[in-house]
Amino acid sequence: MIPLFKQELAKAGLSAETRAQKAGCLDTCEFGPTVVIYPDSVWYGNVKPEDVPEIVKSHLIEGVPVERLKIPGK
């Protein structure tokens, strides 16, 4: 999924200021593939490839977290 994030960041012109980084276990295995947006500390769970453009557009460009993907309590 990292290549997809990098591709979407490039399309949005955010590559120079935003980094997509693969990480090991984030202790959220029960939520499937997880994405964390820093410095906002917003955690997204059960992220699918088709969610990536929405996360980039809504959260990173417009500043509006994608509520349906947020991990409760994070």
N, C-alpha and C. Protein backbone atom coordinates (compact mmCIF):
# COMPACT_ATOMS: atom_id res chain seq x y z
N MET A 1 0.83 -1.19 0.00
CA MET A 1 0.00 0.00 0.00
C MET A 1 0.87 1.26 0.00
N ILE A 2 2.12 1.16 0.46
CA ILE A 2 3.01 2.32 0.50
C ILE A 2 3.22 2.90 -0.90
N PRO A 3 3.45 2.08 -1.94
CA PRO A 3 3.60 2.68 -3.27
C PRO A 3 2.36 3.47 -3.70
N LEU A 4 1.19 2.99 -3.32
CA LEU A 4 -0.04 3.69 -3.66
C LEU A 4 -0.11 5.05 -2.94
N PHE A 5 0.26 5.08 -1.67
CA PHE A 5 0.29 6.35 -0.95
C PHE A 5 1.29 7.30 -1.60
N LYS A 6 2.46 6.81 -1.94
CA LYS A 6 3.47 7.66 -2.57
C LYS A 6 2.97 8.21 -3.90
N GLN A 7 2.29 7.38 -4.65
CA GLN A 7 1.72 7.81 -5.93
C GLN A 7 0.67 8.91 -5.73
N GLU A 8 -0.22 8.72 -4.76
CA GLU A 8 -1.25 9.72 -4.49
C GLU A 8 -0.65 11.02 -3.96
N LEU A 9 0.38 10.91 -3.14
CA LEU A 9 1.04 12.11 -2.63
C LEU A 9 1.70 12.88 -3.76
N ALA A 10 2.30 12.17 -4.69
CA ALA A 10 2.93 12.83 -5.84
C ALA A 10 1.88 13.52 -6.70
N LYS A 11 0.76 12.84 -6.95
CA LYS A 11 -0.31 13.44 -7.76
C LYS A 11 -0.85 14.71 -7.10
N ALA A 12 -0.87 14.73 -5.77
CA ALA A 12 -1.38 15.89 -5.04
C ALA A 12 -0.32 16.97 -4.83
N GLY A 13 0.90 16.70 -5.27
CA GLY A 13 1.98 17.66 -5.10
C GLY A 13 2.49 17.75 -3.67
N LEU A 14 2.33 16.68 -2.92
CA LEU A 14 2.71 16.68 -1.50
C LEU A 14 3.98 15.87 -1.21
N SER A 15 4.63 15.35 -2.23
CA SER A 15 5.79 14.46 -2.02
C SER A 15 6.92 15.12 -1.25
N ALA A 16 7.17 16.39 -1.48
CA ALA A 16 8.30 17.06 -0.84
C ALA A 16 8.07 17.30 0.64
N GLU A 17 6.82 17.44 1.06
CA GLU A 17 6.54 17.79 2.46
C GLU A 17 5.91 16.67 3.26
N THR A 18 5.59 15.56 2.61
CA THR A 18 4.89 14.45 3.28
C THR A 18 5.62 13.15 2.99
N ARG A 19 5.70 12.30 3.98
CA ARG A 19 6.43 11.04 3.83
C ARG A 19 5.51 9.86 4.12
N ALA A 20 5.50 8.90 3.23
CA ALA A 20 4.80 7.64 3.46
C ALA A 20 5.86 6.62 3.86
N GLN A 21 5.71 6.04 5.03
CA GLN A 21 6.72 5.15 5.57
C GLN A 21 6.09 3.86 6.05
N LYS A 22 6.66 2.74 5.65
CA LYS A 22 6.20 1.45 6.12
C LYS A 22 6.68 1.26 7.56
N ALA A 23 5.83 0.67 8.38
CA ALA A 23 6.19 0.41 9.78
C ALA A 23 5.85 -1.02 10.14
N GLY A 24 6.44 -1.49 11.17
CA GLY A 24 6.13 -2.82 11.68
C GLY A 24 4.84 -2.77 12.49
N CYS A 25 4.73 -3.63 13.45
CA CYS A 25 3.52 -3.71 14.27
C CYS A 25 3.28 -2.41 15.02
N LEU A 26 2.08 -1.91 14.93
CA LEU A 26 1.69 -0.71 15.66
C LEU A 26 0.74 -1.05 16.81
N ASP A 27 0.70 -2.34 17.18
CA ASP A 27 -0.18 -2.85 18.24
C ASP A 27 -1.64 -2.59 17.95
N THR A 28 -2.01 -2.63 16.69
CA THR A 28 -3.42 -2.45 16.29
C THR A 28 -3.84 -3.53 15.31
N CYS A 29 -3.30 -4.72 15.47
CA CYS A 29 -3.56 -5.81 14.52
C CYS A 29 -5.06 -6.09 14.34
N GLU A 30 -5.83 -5.90 15.39
CA GLU A 30 -7.27 -6.17 15.30
C GLU A 30 -7.98 -5.21 14.35
N PHE A 31 -7.31 -4.15 13.95
CA PHE A 31 -7.90 -3.18 13.02
C PHE A 31 -7.36 -3.31 11.61
N GLY A 32 -6.67 -4.41 11.32
CA GLY A 32 -6.16 -4.63 9.97
C GLY A 32 -5.11 -3.61 9.59
N PRO A 33 -4.92 -3.39 8.29
CA PRO A 33 -3.92 -2.41 7.84
C PRO A 33 -4.20 -1.04 8.46
N THR A 34 -3.17 -0.47 9.06
CA THR A 34 -3.31 0.76 9.82
C THR A 34 -2.47 1.87 9.21
N VAL A 35 -3.02 3.07 9.20
CA VAL A 35 -2.32 4.27 8.74
C VAL A 35 -2.39 5.29 9.86
N VAL A 36 -1.26 5.92 10.16
CA VAL A 36 -1.21 6.96 11.18
C VAL A 36 -0.76 8.25 10.50
N ILE A 37 -1.49 9.32 10.75
CA ILE A 37 -1.15 10.62 10.20
C ILE A 37 -0.57 11.47 11.33
N TYR A 38 0.70 11.81 11.18
CA TYR A 38 1.36 12.71 12.13
C TYR A 38 1.59 14.05 11.47
N PRO A 39 1.57 15.14 12.17
CA PRO A 39 1.55 15.27 13.62
C PRO A 39 0.14 15.26 14.21
N ASP A 40 -0.88 14.96 13.40
CA ASP A 40 -2.26 14.99 13.87
C ASP A 40 -2.60 13.85 14.83
N SER A 41 -1.81 12.79 14.84
CA SER A 41 -2.07 11.59 15.64
C SER A 41 -3.45 11.01 15.36
N VAL A 42 -3.80 10.95 14.09
CA VAL A 42 -5.05 10.31 13.67
C VAL A 42 -4.70 8.92 13.16
N TRP A 43 -5.37 7.92 13.71
CA TRP A 43 -5.13 6.52 13.35
C TRP A 43 -6.31 6.01 12.54
N TYR A 44 -6.00 5.43 11.40
CA TYR A 44 -7.02 4.83 10.54
C TYR A 44 -6.82 3.32 10.52
N GLY A 45 -7.91 2.56 10.58
CA GLY A 45 -7.83 1.11 10.57
C GLY A 45 -8.62 0.49 9.43
N ASN A 46 -8.29 -0.77 9.15
CA ASN A 46 -8.92 -1.52 8.06
C ASN A 46 -8.84 -0.76 6.74
N VAL A 47 -7.71 -0.10 6.53
CA VAL A 47 -7.52 0.70 5.33
C VAL A 47 -7.32 -0.20 4.12
N LYS A 48 -8.08 0.08 3.08
CA LYS A 48 -7.99 -0.66 1.82
C LYS A 48 -7.37 0.25 0.77
N PRO A 49 -6.80 -0.32 -0.30
CA PRO A 49 -6.21 0.51 -1.34
C PRO A 49 -7.16 1.58 -1.87
N GLU A 50 -8.43 1.27 -1.97
CA GLU A 50 -9.38 2.25 -2.50
C GLU A 50 -9.63 3.42 -1.52
N ASP A 51 -9.18 3.28 -0.26
CA ASP A 51 -9.32 4.37 0.72
C ASP A 51 -8.20 5.40 0.62
N VAL A 52 -7.10 5.04 0.00
CA VAL A 52 -5.93 5.91 -0.03
C VAL A 52 -6.21 7.28 -0.67
N PRO A 53 -6.83 7.35 -1.86
CA PRO A 53 -7.10 8.67 -2.42
C PRO A 53 -7.98 9.54 -1.52
N GLU A 54 -8.93 8.92 -0.83
CA GLU A 54 -9.80 9.67 0.07
C GLU A 54 -9.02 10.22 1.27
N ILE A 55 -8.12 9.42 1.83
CA ILE A 55 -7.32 9.88 2.96
C ILE A 55 -6.44 11.06 2.53
N VAL A 56 -5.80 10.93 1.38
CA VAL A 56 -4.93 12.00 0.90
C VAL A 56 -5.73 13.27 0.64
N LYS A 57 -6.84 13.15 -0.07
CA LYS A 57 -7.63 14.34 -0.42
C LYS A 57 -8.28 14.96 0.82
N SER A 58 -9.01 14.14 1.56
CA SER A 58 -9.78 14.67 2.69
C SER A 58 -8.88 15.14 3.83
N HIS A 59 -7.98 14.27 4.27
CA HIS A 59 -7.18 14.60 5.45
C HIS A 59 -5.98 15.48 5.12
N LEU A 60 -5.18 15.07 4.15
CA LEU A 60 -3.93 15.78 3.91
C LEU A 60 -4.10 17.07 3.12
N ILE A 61 -5.08 17.12 2.23
CA ILE A 61 -5.28 18.34 1.44
C ILE A 61 -6.30 19.26 2.11
N GLU A 62 -7.45 18.70 2.50
CA GLU A 62 -8.54 19.52 3.03
C GLU A 62 -8.51 19.66 4.55
N GLY A 63 -7.71 18.83 5.23
CA GLY A 63 -7.62 18.92 6.69
C GLY A 63 -8.78 18.31 7.44
N VAL A 64 -9.55 17.45 6.76
CA VAL A 64 -10.72 16.83 7.39
C VAL A 64 -10.48 15.32 7.51
N PRO A 65 -10.31 14.80 8.74
CA PRO A 65 -10.11 13.37 8.91
C PRO A 65 -11.27 12.55 8.33
N VAL A 66 -10.96 11.35 7.90
CA VAL A 66 -11.96 10.43 7.35
C VAL A 66 -12.55 9.65 8.53
N GLU A 67 -13.66 10.12 9.04
CA GLU A 67 -14.25 9.57 10.28
C GLU A 67 -14.53 8.08 10.19
N ARG A 68 -15.02 7.60 9.06
CA ARG A 68 -15.41 6.20 8.94
C ARG A 68 -14.24 5.23 9.10
N LEU A 69 -13.02 5.72 8.94
CA LEU A 69 -11.83 4.87 9.04
C LEU A 69 -11.07 5.03 10.36
N LYS A 70 -11.44 6.02 11.17
CA LYS A 70 -10.71 6.26 12.40
C LYS A 70 -10.86 5.11 13.38
N ILE A 71 -9.75 4.78 14.04
CA ILE A 71 -9.76 3.75 15.07
C ILE A 71 -10.28 4.39 16.36
N PRO A 72 -11.34 3.82 16.93
CA PRO A 72 -11.90 4.39 18.17
C PRO A 72 -10.86 4.41 19.29
N GLY A 73 -10.81 5.51 20.00
CA GLY A 73 -9.93 5.62 21.14
C GLY A 73 -8.48 5.95 20.81
N LYS A 74 -8.19 6.15 19.56
CA LYS A 74 -6.81 6.48 19.17
C LYS A 74 -6.71 7.93 18.83
